[in-house]
Amino acid sequence: MYRLLFSLLMVLLLIGCTSEGETGGGEKNKDESGSNSESTLNVAYMAQPPFLDPHVTNTVANRDIGRNIFESLLSFDADNNVAPLLAESFEESDDGKSITFQLRQGIKFHNGEEMTADDVVASMERWRKLSAKANSYLADSEFVKGDDDDTVILHMDKPMTIIKYILAMNNNFAGIMPKEIIDQAEDTGVTDFIGTGPFKFVEWKQDQYIELAKNEDYQSASETADGLVGKRDPLVDKVFFHFIQDSSTRTAGIQTGDYDIALAVPSDNVPQLEADPNLDLHIKYGGPTTVIFNKRKGLFADQQARQAVNLALNKKDVLMSAFPGDEFHILEHGLLGEDFPGWHNDAGKEIYENFDPEEARKILKDVGYNGETIRILTTRDYEDQYYAAVVVQQQLEDIGVNVDLQVYDWPSLMAKINDEDAYDMFIMAYAQASDPTEIYYLNSRDNYPGWSDSAEIDALLDELMVAPSDEEAKEVFTQLQAETWDYLPAVKFGDYNRVTVTYGDLKGFEFFYGPIIWNVEKP
């Protein structure tokens, strides 16, 4: 009853607060004559990105918004295979030490200039240096221009079997920008957001929205839409990503039609929303949800203390709190789950399933824990992370741990987790990884918050990169997964399914590594 009354209140508030300059989800903008002039897509999004420069941040918000503006040479089809995007084709050399990219011709940036090999080389070199993932594997490599304006070559110091996955990765992706933008850019991020994507950047009103506009000169590939490649037509005139942190507000807004798309809708709202004939629900795999340890300072620099936490956590209870309903979470130990049959294996499953609070209490005593405050960081901008953190707090307190749960907005949390003196653990639900190297908390050379430091894991990642075949790569990955569950840079609770809701008769909407805005038509 409380939820129903609260939702009705939010509906009334939203109706009263809609600004004159923005249309609701159910209508197109109209000119003075009353005829439809342009279509606007309103997206209720859960968090504001810290940057819009894909070279310097790996946040999901940057990915979901930025990939409409910037594009990369390679991306993923619907079967998670690497495929060309701004490249027409790519070919690996016989010795595996170089990749030659033939660029698509006639591609224009949003400033009207045609994309050339010089732009691509400048962009890829900047990404190679600023992206922690790219730099850790390509530090001694180089992107160079080929014999003409349509050819770029990556020269590597050693063959790397799965480098193409890193070149195509979705987070912290290798977006292509004009060379003059790259030449003037600070390492902290570009301020002119000019790419080749189906939508152009218009305005960023802090804490309110990012506005995009249709790229009238966009040249889509002619192939059928396939995951993130193929046909990518901008079919609406404007897109607003509204930053709506409160999930109840997003839910109420999609019901009234103030928004056309609402992201990260709580799963306990699903029965109510399924009964609404104006709405369509899209329940898709989201990724893993975890608790990350500070392994540089404090109690959890001790591997045994991390193992105690793993024993203390009832992972099913954590998942049920964060993602209520069995259809919205998956008890899954694998670093890459069953959606990735080429990688999935059983290594570490027995450690994942071991739940023994009394043994956890004993281990903590053995390592010298004596009631010190353990600081867990979380955010309510992603409420699943907050609810998971509350259960983790309760379960640790049950074995005698003194927990201080600290709640921040998303940008503040992103700053805090980079400070080794600020916390002991943080909760994080990650976006779907595309390959083992995109599991950020593994590699010590990535300097990812939590600061893994395992020579064994680093060696296995290096071996994985140069495995001569997919079968041998999977064997190495199985060893890597076993070592990860022993070292425990994080405790994985499981995987989650994300709920996205669309209003009215939107056509062409897909959710694949986040919401796909191109190819969406609004009647």
Protein backbone atom coordinates (compact mmCIF):
# COMPACT_ATOMS: atom_id res chain seq x y z
CA MET A 1 0.00 0.00 0.00
CA TYR A 2 2.83 2.39 0.89
CA ARG A 3 4.54 1.74 -2.46
CA LEU A 4 1.25 2.43 -4.31
CA LEU A 5 0.57 5.71 -2.46
CA PHE A 6 4.18 6.82 -2.98
CA SER A 7 4.02 6.06 -6.71
CA LEU A 8 0.77 8.05 -7.07
CA LEU A 9 2.35 10.99 -5.23
CA MET A 10 5.38 10.90 -7.54
CA VAL A 11 3.11 10.84 -10.60
CA LEU A 12 1.34 14.01 -9.41
CA LEU A 13 4.66 15.70 -8.69
CA LEU A 14 6.03 14.83 -12.11
CA ILE A 15 2.92 16.11 -13.89
CA GLY A 16 3.20 19.39 -11.99
CA CYS A 17 6.94 19.84 -12.59
CA THR A 18 7.26 19.11 -16.30
CA SER A 19 8.93 22.11 -17.95
CA GLU A 20 7.40 23.88 -20.92
CA GLY A 21 10.39 23.30 -23.15
CA GLU A 22 10.28 19.50 -22.93
CA THR A 23 7.72 17.17 -24.37
CA GLY A 24 6.38 14.14 -22.57
CA GLY A 25 7.19 10.64 -23.72
CA GLY A 26 3.88 10.16 -25.49
CA GLU A 27 3.96 13.22 -27.79
CA LYS A 28 6.14 14.73 -30.44
CA ASN A 29 7.09 18.38 -30.30
CA LYS A 30 4.71 20.54 -32.30
CA ASP A 31 5.19 23.80 -34.12
CA GLU A 32 2.71 26.71 -33.83
CA SER A 33 0.42 25.22 -36.46
CA GLY A 34 0.05 22.09 -34.40
CA SER A 35 1.81 19.80 -36.89
CA ASN A 36 4.51 17.41 -35.74
CA SER A 37 7.91 18.96 -36.39
CA GLU A 38 10.46 16.85 -34.58
CA SER A 39 10.59 13.80 -32.36
CA THR A 40 12.26 13.77 -28.96
CA LEU A 41 13.33 10.69 -27.03
CA ASN A 42 13.38 11.18 -23.25
CA VAL A 43 15.50 8.71 -21.31
CA ALA A 44 15.30 8.45 -17.51
CA TYR A 45 18.88 7.59 -16.60
CA MET A 46 20.10 6.64 -13.13
CA ALA A 47 23.43 8.49 -12.84
CA GLN A 48 25.41 11.33 -14.37
CA PRO A 49 28.74 10.39 -15.98
CA PRO A 50 31.87 12.00 -14.50
CA PHE A 51 33.20 12.65 -18.04
CA LEU A 52 32.11 12.16 -21.63
CA ASP A 53 35.62 11.34 -22.84
CA PRO A 54 35.72 7.56 -23.46
CA HIS A 55 39.53 7.51 -23.28
CA VAL A 56 39.66 8.48 -19.61
CA THR A 57 36.74 6.77 -17.87
CA ASN A 58 35.24 3.30 -17.74
CA THR A 59 31.87 4.14 -16.17
CA VAL A 60 28.66 2.64 -17.53
CA ALA A 61 27.07 6.10 -17.80
CA ASN A 62 29.88 7.25 -20.10
CA ARG A 63 29.48 4.13 -22.21
CA ASP A 64 25.71 4.34 -22.58
CA ILE A 65 25.69 8.03 -23.52
CA GLY A 66 29.11 8.42 -25.14
CA ARG A 67 28.77 5.62 -27.68
CA ASN A 68 26.02 7.62 -29.41
CA ILE A 69 28.57 10.40 -30.00
CA PHE A 70 31.85 8.52 -30.48
CA GLU A 71 32.55 5.32 -32.40
CA SER A 72 35.45 2.89 -32.42
CA LEU A 73 37.19 0.89 -35.13
CA LEU A 74 35.76 -2.39 -33.85
CA SER A 75 32.80 -3.43 -31.74
CA PHE A 76 30.68 -6.51 -30.97
CA ASP A 77 27.93 -8.28 -32.85
CA ALA A 78 24.99 -9.90 -31.05
CA ASP A 79 26.98 -13.12 -30.51
CA ASN A 80 29.83 -11.22 -28.79
CA ASN A 81 32.10 -11.64 -31.80
CA VAL A 82 34.43 -8.75 -32.69
CA ALA A 83 33.31 -7.02 -35.89
CA PRO A 84 34.22 -3.84 -37.83
CA LEU A 85 32.52 -0.53 -37.05
CA LEU A 86 34.53 2.45 -38.35
CA ALA A 87 36.88 -0.05 -39.93
CA GLU A 88 35.73 -1.54 -43.21
CA SER A 89 37.82 -4.61 -42.40
CA PHE A 90 40.82 -5.69 -40.32
CA GLU A 91 43.49 -8.34 -40.87
CA GLU A 92 46.04 -9.84 -38.50
CA SER A 93 49.55 -10.56 -39.80
CA ASP A 94 50.87 -14.12 -40.00
CA ASP A 95 53.23 -13.55 -37.06
CA GLY A 96 50.40 -12.03 -34.98
CA LYS A 97 52.37 -8.84 -34.30
CA SER A 98 50.36 -6.40 -36.38
CA ILE A 99 46.76 -5.64 -37.38
CA THR A 100 45.91 -3.66 -40.50
CA PHE A 101 42.64 -1.68 -40.51
CA GLN A 102 41.02 -0.56 -43.74
CA LEU A 103 38.88 2.45 -42.80
CA ARG A 104 35.39 3.12 -44.11
CA GLN A 105 35.50 5.95 -46.61
CA GLY A 106 33.40 9.12 -46.55
CA ILE A 107 32.86 9.09 -42.77
CA LYS A 108 32.40 12.62 -41.42
CA PHE A 109 32.88 14.03 -37.96
CA HIS A 110 30.17 16.16 -36.41
CA ASN A 111 32.13 19.29 -37.41
CA GLY A 112 31.77 18.32 -41.08
CA GLU A 113 35.39 17.20 -41.59
CA GLU A 114 36.07 13.82 -43.16
CA MET A 115 37.72 11.18 -40.98
CA THR A 116 41.23 10.22 -42.09
CA ALA A 117 43.95 7.87 -40.94
CA ASP A 118 45.65 10.81 -39.18
CA ASP A 119 42.56 11.27 -36.97
CA VAL A 120 42.42 7.56 -36.20
CA VAL A 121 46.13 7.31 -35.34
CA ALA A 122 45.94 10.36 -33.04
CA SER A 123 42.85 8.99 -31.30
CA MET A 124 44.17 5.46 -30.90
CA GLU A 125 47.53 6.67 -29.60
CA ARG A 126 45.83 8.86 -27.00
CA TRP A 127 43.54 5.99 -25.96
CA ARG A 128 46.52 3.61 -25.81
CA LYS A 129 48.26 5.91 -23.34
CA LEU A 130 45.28 7.02 -21.20
CA SER A 131 43.25 3.84 -20.93
CA ALA A 132 44.69 1.71 -18.14
CA LYS A 133 43.62 -1.46 -19.92
CA ALA A 134 45.08 -0.45 -23.27
CA ASN A 135 48.28 0.84 -21.73
CA SER A 136 48.90 -2.32 -19.74
CA TYR A 137 48.93 -4.41 -22.93
CA LEU A 138 49.95 -1.92 -25.62
CA ALA A 139 52.56 0.18 -23.79
CA ASP A 140 55.27 -0.87 -26.25
CA SER A 141 53.02 -0.90 -29.32
CA GLU A 142 52.18 1.82 -31.82
CA PHE A 143 49.41 2.84 -34.19
CA VAL A 144 50.73 4.25 -37.48
CA LYS A 145 49.30 5.46 -40.75
CA GLY A 146 49.50 3.06 -43.68
CA ASP A 147 50.27 3.91 -47.28
CA ASP A 148 47.11 6.01 -47.74
CA ASP A 149 44.46 7.93 -45.82
CA ASP A 150 42.31 4.83 -45.43
CA THR A 151 44.78 2.48 -43.73
CA VAL A 152 45.96 2.29 -40.11
CA ILE A 153 48.32 -0.35 -38.73
CA LEU A 154 48.82 -1.46 -35.14
CA HIS A 155 52.38 -2.71 -34.55
CA MET A 156 52.81 -4.80 -31.38
CA ASP A 157 55.96 -5.97 -29.64
CA LYS A 158 54.53 -9.49 -29.33
CA PRO A 159 51.57 -11.43 -30.72
CA MET A 160 48.42 -11.08 -28.59
CA THR A 161 45.62 -13.46 -29.43
CA ILE A 162 42.74 -11.54 -27.86
CA ILE A 163 43.91 -7.97 -28.46
CA LYS A 164 40.94 -7.47 -30.77
CA TYR A 165 38.62 -7.76 -27.74
CA ILE A 166 40.43 -4.90 -26.05
CA LEU A 167 40.22 -2.79 -29.22
CA ALA A 168 36.46 -3.41 -29.28
CA MET A 169 35.76 -3.06 -25.55
CA ASN A 170 32.72 -1.01 -24.59
CA ASN A 171 33.88 0.68 -21.39
CA ASN A 172 36.80 3.11 -21.64
CA PHE A 173 36.45 2.54 -25.37
CA ALA A 174 38.68 3.75 -28.19
CA GLY A 175 36.47 6.53 -29.54
CA ILE A 176 37.71 8.27 -32.69
CA MET A 177 37.91 12.08 -32.65
CA PRO A 178 39.39 14.74 -34.96
CA LYS A 179 43.17 15.07 -34.68
CA GLU A 180 42.91 18.78 -33.84
CA ILE A 181 40.76 17.90 -30.80
CA ILE A 182 43.29 15.29 -29.69
CA ASP A 183 46.19 17.71 -30.14
CA GLN A 184 44.57 20.25 -27.80
CA ALA A 185 43.13 17.78 -25.28
CA GLU A 186 44.15 17.55 -21.65
CA ASP A 187 44.70 14.12 -20.14
CA THR A 188 41.82 14.87 -17.78
CA GLY A 189 39.37 14.81 -20.69
CA VAL A 190 38.30 16.55 -23.88
CA THR A 191 35.83 19.42 -23.65
CA ASP A 192 34.72 19.39 -27.31
CA PHE A 193 32.66 16.25 -27.80
CA ILE A 194 33.00 15.66 -31.55
CA GLY A 195 32.77 12.16 -32.91
CA THR A 196 31.34 10.29 -35.88
CA GLY A 197 28.32 8.74 -34.13
CA PRO A 198 24.63 8.82 -35.05
CA PHE A 199 23.96 11.64 -32.57
CA LYS A 200 25.74 14.94 -31.89
CA PHE A 201 26.40 16.46 -28.51
CA VAL A 202 24.31 19.60 -27.87
CA GLU A 203 24.33 20.48 -24.16
CA TRP A 204 25.25 19.12 -20.73
CA LYS A 205 23.25 20.76 -17.97
CA GLN A 206 24.96 19.49 -14.84
CA ASP A 207 22.82 17.26 -12.62
CA GLN A 208 19.88 17.60 -15.02
CA TYR A 209 20.45 16.20 -18.49
CA ILE A 210 22.65 15.68 -21.54
CA GLU A 211 21.02 16.61 -24.84
CA LEU A 212 21.94 14.98 -28.15
CA ALA A 213 20.71 15.78 -31.65
CA LYS A 214 20.37 13.67 -34.77
CA ASN A 215 23.48 13.61 -36.96
CA GLU A 216 21.90 14.44 -40.31
CA ASP A 217 25.11 13.48 -42.15
CA TYR A 218 25.54 10.11 -40.44
CA GLN A 219 26.58 7.32 -42.78
CA SER A 220 25.38 4.05 -41.39
CA ALA A 221 26.76 0.71 -42.47
CA SER A 222 24.38 -1.03 -44.85
CA GLU A 223 24.39 -4.42 -43.12
CA THR A 224 21.52 -5.55 -40.92
CA ALA A 225 21.71 -4.28 -37.33
CA ASP A 226 23.64 -6.86 -35.32
CA GLY A 227 24.42 -6.04 -31.70
CA LEU A 228 26.53 -2.87 -31.81
CA VAL A 229 27.45 -3.08 -35.50
CA GLY A 230 25.62 -2.99 -38.80
CA LYS A 231 22.79 -0.53 -39.39
CA ARG A 232 22.85 2.36 -36.85
CA ASP A 233 20.32 4.92 -38.06
CA PRO A 234 19.38 7.97 -35.95
CA LEU A 235 15.59 8.00 -36.30
CA VAL A 236 14.66 10.65 -33.71
CA ASP A 237 15.64 14.31 -33.81
CA LYS A 238 16.61 14.81 -30.18
CA VAL A 239 17.59 12.62 -27.25
CA PHE A 240 17.60 13.77 -23.62
CA PHE A 241 19.34 11.65 -21.00
CA HIS A 242 17.67 12.94 -17.81
CA PHE A 243 19.61 12.20 -14.63
CA ILE A 244 16.99 10.77 -12.29
CA GLN A 245 18.71 9.19 -9.33
CA ASP A 246 15.58 8.09 -7.50
CA SER A 247 14.22 4.84 -8.92
CA SER A 248 10.65 5.62 -7.77
CA THR A 249 10.74 8.81 -9.83
CA ARG A 250 11.98 6.92 -12.90
CA THR A 251 9.25 4.33 -12.42
CA ALA A 252 6.48 6.92 -11.98
CA GLY A 253 7.75 8.92 -14.95
CA ILE A 254 7.67 5.99 -17.36
CA GLN A 255 4.12 5.17 -16.28
CA THR A 256 2.89 8.68 -17.06
CA GLY A 257 4.75 8.85 -20.37
CA ASP A 258 7.07 11.65 -19.25
CA TYR A 259 9.89 9.34 -20.32
CA ASP A 260 10.12 7.05 -23.31
CA ILE A 261 12.80 4.82 -21.75
CA ALA A 262 13.57 4.21 -18.08
CA LEU A 263 16.77 2.45 -17.05
CA ALA A 264 17.50 0.37 -13.93
CA VAL A 265 13.89 0.01 -12.83
CA PRO A 266 13.68 -1.98 -9.55
CA SER A 267 12.60 -5.55 -10.09
CA ASP A 268 9.94 -5.37 -7.38
CA ASN A 269 8.03 -2.92 -9.60
CA VAL A 270 7.83 -5.43 -12.44
CA PRO A 271 4.39 -7.01 -11.64
CA GLN A 272 2.79 -3.56 -11.53
CA LEU A 273 4.48 -2.46 -14.76
CA GLU A 274 3.69 -5.67 -16.62
CA ALA A 275 -0.01 -4.96 -16.08
CA ASP A 276 0.25 -1.57 -17.83
CA PRO A 277 -0.65 -1.90 -21.55
CA ASN A 278 1.35 1.24 -22.37
CA LEU A 279 4.63 -0.29 -21.28
CA ASP A 280 7.07 -2.88 -22.61
CA LEU A 281 9.61 -4.49 -20.28
CA HIS A 282 13.08 -5.54 -21.42
CA ILE A 283 14.79 -7.88 -18.94
CA LYS A 284 18.35 -8.45 -20.10
CA TYR A 285 21.63 -9.69 -18.68
CA GLY A 286 23.44 -6.87 -16.92
CA GLY A 287 26.68 -8.26 -15.50
CA PRO A 288 28.28 -9.32 -12.20
CA THR A 289 27.73 -7.74 -8.78
CA THR A 290 30.56 -7.80 -6.23
CA VAL A 291 32.22 -6.41 -3.15
CA ILE A 292 35.76 -5.12 -3.81
CA PHE A 293 38.43 -5.13 -1.09
CA ASN A 294 41.08 -2.50 -0.42
CA LYS A 295 44.09 -4.78 -0.74
CA ARG A 296 46.69 -2.07 -0.26
CA LYS A 297 45.87 -0.90 3.27
CA GLY A 298 43.89 -2.13 6.23
CA LEU A 299 42.50 -5.49 7.31
CA PHE A 300 41.84 -6.82 3.82
CA ALA A 301 45.41 -6.51 2.66
CA ASP A 302 45.50 -9.92 4.36
CA GLN A 303 44.27 -12.65 2.01
CA GLN A 304 42.88 -14.70 4.93
CA ALA A 305 40.67 -11.80 6.00
CA ARG A 306 39.21 -11.66 2.50
CA GLN A 307 38.57 -15.39 2.65
CA ALA A 308 36.73 -14.87 5.95
CA VAL A 309 34.36 -12.38 4.30
CA ASN A 310 33.65 -14.84 1.51
CA LEU A 311 32.71 -17.48 4.13
CA ALA A 312 30.52 -14.99 6.02
CA LEU A 313 28.37 -13.89 3.07
CA ASN A 314 25.15 -15.63 2.11
CA LYS A 315 25.27 -14.67 -1.54
CA LYS A 316 21.67 -15.65 -2.25
CA ASP A 317 20.45 -13.23 0.45
CA VAL A 318 22.59 -10.43 -0.99
CA LEU A 319 21.23 -11.03 -4.48
CA MET A 320 17.62 -11.25 -3.28
CA SER A 321 17.97 -7.88 -1.57
CA ALA A 322 19.61 -6.18 -4.52
CA PHE A 323 17.57 -7.85 -7.27
CA PRO A 324 14.37 -9.31 -5.75
CA GLY A 325 12.91 -12.27 -7.64
CA ASP A 326 14.68 -15.32 -9.00
CA GLU A 327 14.35 -14.09 -12.59
CA PHE A 328 16.44 -11.01 -11.82
CA HIS A 329 19.59 -12.60 -10.43
CA ILE A 330 21.75 -15.65 -11.07
CA LEU A 331 23.85 -17.54 -8.52
CA GLU A 332 26.94 -17.66 -10.70
CA HIS A 333 30.55 -18.13 -9.64
CA GLY A 334 32.16 -17.74 -13.07
CA LEU A 335 34.09 -14.61 -13.95
CA LEU A 336 32.26 -14.90 -17.27
CA GLY A 337 28.92 -16.67 -16.90
CA GLU A 338 26.94 -19.09 -19.01
CA ASP A 339 26.21 -16.40 -21.62
CA PHE A 340 29.89 -16.85 -22.57
CA PRO A 341 30.18 -20.58 -23.34
CA GLY A 342 33.64 -20.07 -24.81
CA TRP A 343 34.93 -19.01 -21.39
CA HIS A 344 32.61 -20.47 -18.74
CA ASN A 345 34.07 -23.16 -16.42
CA ASP A 346 33.63 -24.63 -12.91
CA ALA A 347 36.92 -23.49 -11.35
CA GLY A 348 36.40 -21.98 -7.89
CA LYS A 349 32.78 -23.06 -7.63
CA GLU A 350 33.31 -24.86 -4.32
CA ILE A 351 34.83 -21.70 -2.77
CA TYR A 352 31.93 -19.59 -4.05
CA GLU A 353 29.38 -21.97 -2.54
CA ASN A 354 31.11 -22.36 0.84
CA PHE A 355 29.09 -20.52 3.53
CA ASP A 356 30.42 -20.91 7.07
CA PRO A 357 30.01 -17.86 9.37
CA GLU A 358 31.58 -19.59 12.37
CA GLU A 359 34.71 -20.43 10.42
CA ALA A 360 34.76 -16.82 9.19
CA ARG A 361 34.62 -15.58 12.78
CA LYS A 362 37.53 -17.89 13.72
CA ILE A 363 39.69 -16.74 10.79
CA LEU A 364 39.17 -13.07 11.66
CA LYS A 365 40.27 -13.79 15.22
CA ASP A 366 43.35 -15.63 13.93
CA VAL A 367 44.39 -12.67 11.74
CA GLY A 368 44.12 -10.30 14.70
CA TYR A 369 40.83 -8.52 14.06
CA ASN A 370 39.85 -6.81 17.30
CA GLY A 371 36.73 -4.76 16.59
CA GLU A 372 38.27 -2.09 14.35
CA THR A 373 35.77 -0.17 12.21
CA ILE A 374 35.43 -1.53 8.67
CA ARG A 375 34.29 1.15 6.20
CA ILE A 376 32.04 0.02 3.34
CA LEU A 377 31.29 2.56 0.60
CA THR A 378 28.17 2.51 -1.54
CA THR A 379 25.70 4.75 -3.42
CA ARG A 380 21.94 5.10 -3.69
CA ASP A 381 22.26 6.30 -7.28
CA TYR A 382 22.31 2.57 -8.08
CA GLU A 383 19.93 1.24 -5.44
CA ASP A 384 20.85 -2.41 -6.02
CA GLN A 385 24.37 -1.56 -4.83
CA TYR A 386 22.98 0.13 -1.72
CA TYR A 387 20.68 -2.77 -0.81
CA ALA A 388 23.53 -5.25 -1.35
CA ALA A 389 25.73 -3.15 0.94
CA VAL A 390 23.08 -3.16 3.69
CA VAL A 391 22.94 -6.99 3.65
CA VAL A 392 26.73 -7.27 3.61
CA GLN A 393 26.84 -4.93 6.61
CA GLN A 394 24.30 -7.07 8.48
CA GLN A 395 26.04 -10.35 7.72
CA LEU A 396 29.46 -9.03 8.78
CA GLU A 397 27.99 -7.58 11.97
CA ASP A 398 26.54 -11.05 12.66
CA ILE A 399 30.10 -12.40 12.98
CA GLY A 400 31.27 -9.54 15.19
CA VAL A 401 32.60 -7.03 12.63
CA ASN A 402 32.10 -3.33 13.40
CA VAL A 403 30.85 -1.83 10.11
CA ASP A 404 30.49 1.82 9.09
CA LEU A 405 28.33 2.01 5.93
CA GLN A 406 29.06 5.26 4.09
CA VAL A 407 26.66 6.37 1.33
CA TYR A 408 27.70 8.83 -1.41
CA ASP A 409 26.34 10.10 -4.70
CA TRP A 410 27.87 8.43 -7.73
CA PRO A 411 30.54 11.05 -8.65
CA SER A 412 31.65 11.27 -5.01
CA LEU A 413 31.87 7.49 -4.77
CA MET A 414 34.02 7.38 -7.90
CA ALA A 415 36.43 9.83 -6.27
CA LYS A 416 36.45 8.04 -2.92
CA ILE A 417 37.31 4.59 -4.26
CA ASN A 418 40.55 5.96 -5.68
CA ASP A 419 41.72 6.98 -2.19
CA GLU A 420 43.44 4.08 -0.44
CA ASP A 421 42.92 5.74 2.94
CA ALA A 422 39.16 6.20 2.51
CA TYR A 423 37.69 2.70 2.78
CA ASP A 424 38.06 -1.03 3.32
CA MET A 425 35.42 -2.35 0.89
CA PHE A 426 33.02 -1.01 -1.72
CA ILE A 427 30.04 -2.53 -3.50
CA MET A 428 29.97 -2.48 -7.28
CA ALA A 429 27.67 -3.93 -9.93
CA TYR A 430 29.65 -4.06 -13.16
CA ALA A 431 28.52 -3.90 -16.73
CA GLN A 432 28.82 -7.01 -18.85
CA ALA A 433 32.46 -7.76 -19.65
CA SER A 434 33.30 -8.80 -23.18
CA ASP A 435 36.46 -10.79 -22.38
CA PRO A 436 38.63 -11.74 -19.36
CA THR A 437 40.83 -8.66 -19.61
CA GLU A 438 37.76 -6.43 -19.07
CA ILE A 439 37.30 -7.72 -15.51
CA TYR A 440 38.84 -4.60 -14.04
CA TYR A 441 39.71 -5.75 -10.54
CA LEU A 442 42.05 -8.57 -11.65
CA ASN A 443 45.10 -6.96 -13.20
CA SER A 444 47.58 -5.21 -10.89
CA ARG A 445 48.89 -3.13 -13.80
CA ASP A 446 45.48 -1.51 -14.34
CA ASN A 447 45.77 0.22 -10.94
CA TYR A 448 42.04 -0.28 -10.55
CA PRO A 449 40.56 0.72 -7.12
CA GLY A 450 41.14 -2.08 -4.66
CA TRP A 451 44.63 -2.53 -6.06
CA SER A 452 45.09 -6.20 -6.85
CA ASP A 453 48.66 -7.38 -6.45
CA SER A 454 48.99 -11.00 -7.53
CA ALA A 455 52.00 -12.10 -9.57
CA GLU A 456 50.15 -15.36 -10.33
CA ILE A 457 47.09 -13.59 -11.75
CA ASP A 458 49.26 -11.18 -13.77
CA ALA A 459 51.24 -14.09 -15.23
CA LEU A 460 48.07 -15.94 -16.23
CA LEU A 461 46.64 -12.82 -17.86
CA ASP A 462 49.87 -12.45 -19.85
CA GLU A 463 49.71 -16.11 -20.86
CA LEU A 464 46.08 -15.69 -21.87
CA MET A 465 46.93 -12.79 -24.18
CA VAL A 466 49.36 -14.87 -26.24
CA ALA A 467 47.55 -18.22 -26.19
CA PRO A 468 47.85 -19.62 -29.73
CA SER A 469 44.24 -20.86 -29.96
CA ASP A 470 40.80 -20.28 -28.43
CA GLU A 471 40.93 -23.72 -26.78
CA GLU A 472 44.27 -23.01 -25.13
CA ALA A 473 43.04 -19.57 -24.08
CA LYS A 474 40.09 -21.19 -22.29
CA GLU A 475 42.45 -23.57 -20.45
CA VAL A 476 44.47 -20.61 -19.20
CA PHE A 477 41.28 -18.77 -18.24
CA THR A 478 40.18 -21.75 -16.15
CA GLN A 479 43.45 -21.52 -14.21
CA LEU A 480 42.96 -17.77 -13.92
CA GLN A 481 39.48 -18.20 -12.45
CA ALA A 482 40.75 -20.74 -9.89
CA GLU A 483 43.56 -18.39 -8.86
CA THR A 484 41.10 -15.50 -8.55
CA TRP A 485 38.89 -17.40 -6.11
CA ASP A 486 41.98 -18.22 -4.05
CA TYR A 487 43.42 -14.67 -4.03
CA LEU A 488 39.95 -13.04 -3.76
CA PRO A 489 40.43 -9.50 -5.07
CA ALA A 490 36.64 -9.37 -4.75
CA VAL A 491 33.74 -11.57 -3.72
CA LYS A 492 31.30 -12.07 -6.53
CA PHE A 493 27.72 -12.42 -5.29
CA GLY A 494 26.43 -13.50 -8.70
CA ASP A 495 25.06 -12.00 -11.91
CA TYR A 496 22.06 -9.72 -12.35
CA ASN A 497 19.47 -9.03 -15.00
CA ARG A 498 18.66 -5.37 -15.60
CA VAL A 499 15.08 -4.11 -16.13
CA THR A 500 14.52 -1.43 -18.77
CA VAL A 501 11.03 -0.13 -19.54
CA THR A 502 9.81 1.61 -22.71
CA TYR A 503 6.62 3.63 -23.12
CA GLY A 504 4.20 3.50 -26.05
CA ASP A 505 4.92 2.05 -29.45
CA LEU A 506 8.65 2.61 -29.68
CA LYS A 507 10.05 0.56 -32.53
CA GLY A 508 13.52 -0.91 -32.79
CA PHE A 509 14.64 -0.61 -29.15
CA GLU A 510 17.27 -3.13 -28.06
CA PHE A 511 19.36 -3.57 -24.92
CA PHE A 512 22.83 -4.92 -25.57
CA TYR A 513 25.70 -3.74 -23.37
CA GLY A 514 23.25 -0.99 -22.38
CA PRO A 515 20.38 0.75 -24.21
CA ILE A 516 20.69 1.10 -27.99
CA ILE A 517 19.23 4.48 -28.98
CA TRP A 518 19.95 4.36 -32.70
CA ASN A 519 17.40 2.49 -34.85
CA VAL A 520 14.69 3.56 -32.36
CA GLU A 521 11.65 5.09 -34.04
CA LYS A 522 9.04 7.05 -32.11
CA PRO A 523 5.58 7.12 -33.72
